[in-house]
Protein backbone atom coordinates (compact mmCIF):
# COMPACT_ATOMS: atom_id res chain seq x y z
CA MET A 1 -10.74 5.03 -12.88
CA GLN A 2 -9.58 6.00 -8.90
CA ASN A 3 -6.41 5.86 -7.91
CA LYS A 4 -4.98 6.09 -4.41
CA VAL A 5 -1.72 5.41 -2.13
CA ILE A 6 -2.12 5.08 1.51
CA GLN A 7 0.48 4.81 3.26
CA ALA A 8 1.18 3.46 6.82
CA ASP A 9 3.66 3.34 9.57
CA TYR A 10 2.53 -0.87 10.21
CA LEU A 11 0.51 -3.24 7.93
CA LEU A 12 -0.67 -6.80 8.98
CA LEU A 13 -0.46 -9.60 6.66
CA GLU A 14 -0.73 -13.25 6.10
CA SER A 15 3.74 -13.75 6.46
CA GLY A 16 3.12 -10.85 9.29
CA LEU A 17 3.96 -7.32 10.25
CA LYS A 18 5.38 -4.54 7.89
CA GLU A 19 6.52 -1.83 8.52
CA LYS A 20 6.48 1.47 6.97
CA TRP A 21 4.52 -0.27 4.38
CA GLY A 22 1.09 0.50 2.37
CA VAL A 23 -1.19 -0.19 -0.31
CA GLN A 24 -2.56 1.34 -3.50
CA VAL A 25 -5.96 1.20 -4.26
CA GLN A 26 -7.86 1.56 -7.88
CA ASP A 27 -11.78 0.76 -8.40
CA ASN A 28 -12.29 0.17 -4.69
CA ARG A 29 -9.60 -2.37 -4.81
CA ILE A 30 -6.05 -2.76 -3.55
CA VAL A 31 -3.77 -3.63 -6.03
CA LYS A 32 -1.07 -3.52 -4.91
CA VAL A 33 1.18 -3.86 -1.41
CA ALA A 34 4.66 -3.24 -0.83
CA PRO A 35 6.77 -0.95 0.96
CA ASN A 36 5.79 2.65 0.93
CA GLU A 37 9.09 3.84 -0.41
CA GLN A 38 7.58 2.28 -4.11
CA LEU A 39 4.05 3.73 -3.47
CA GLN A 40 5.90 7.01 -3.08
CA GLN A 41 6.47 6.50 -6.61
CA ILE A 42 3.25 5.74 -7.90
CA LYS A 43 1.61 9.00 -6.66
């Protein structure tokens, strides 16, 4: 099982542009979209 966290300065979602948001990718699928602060805990 491969787990990666990609933290971005900006992420464009259907709800609009989010600043300092990123994604968690597991087995080539996005499993979580959240603020970078929350994703740091996963690393």
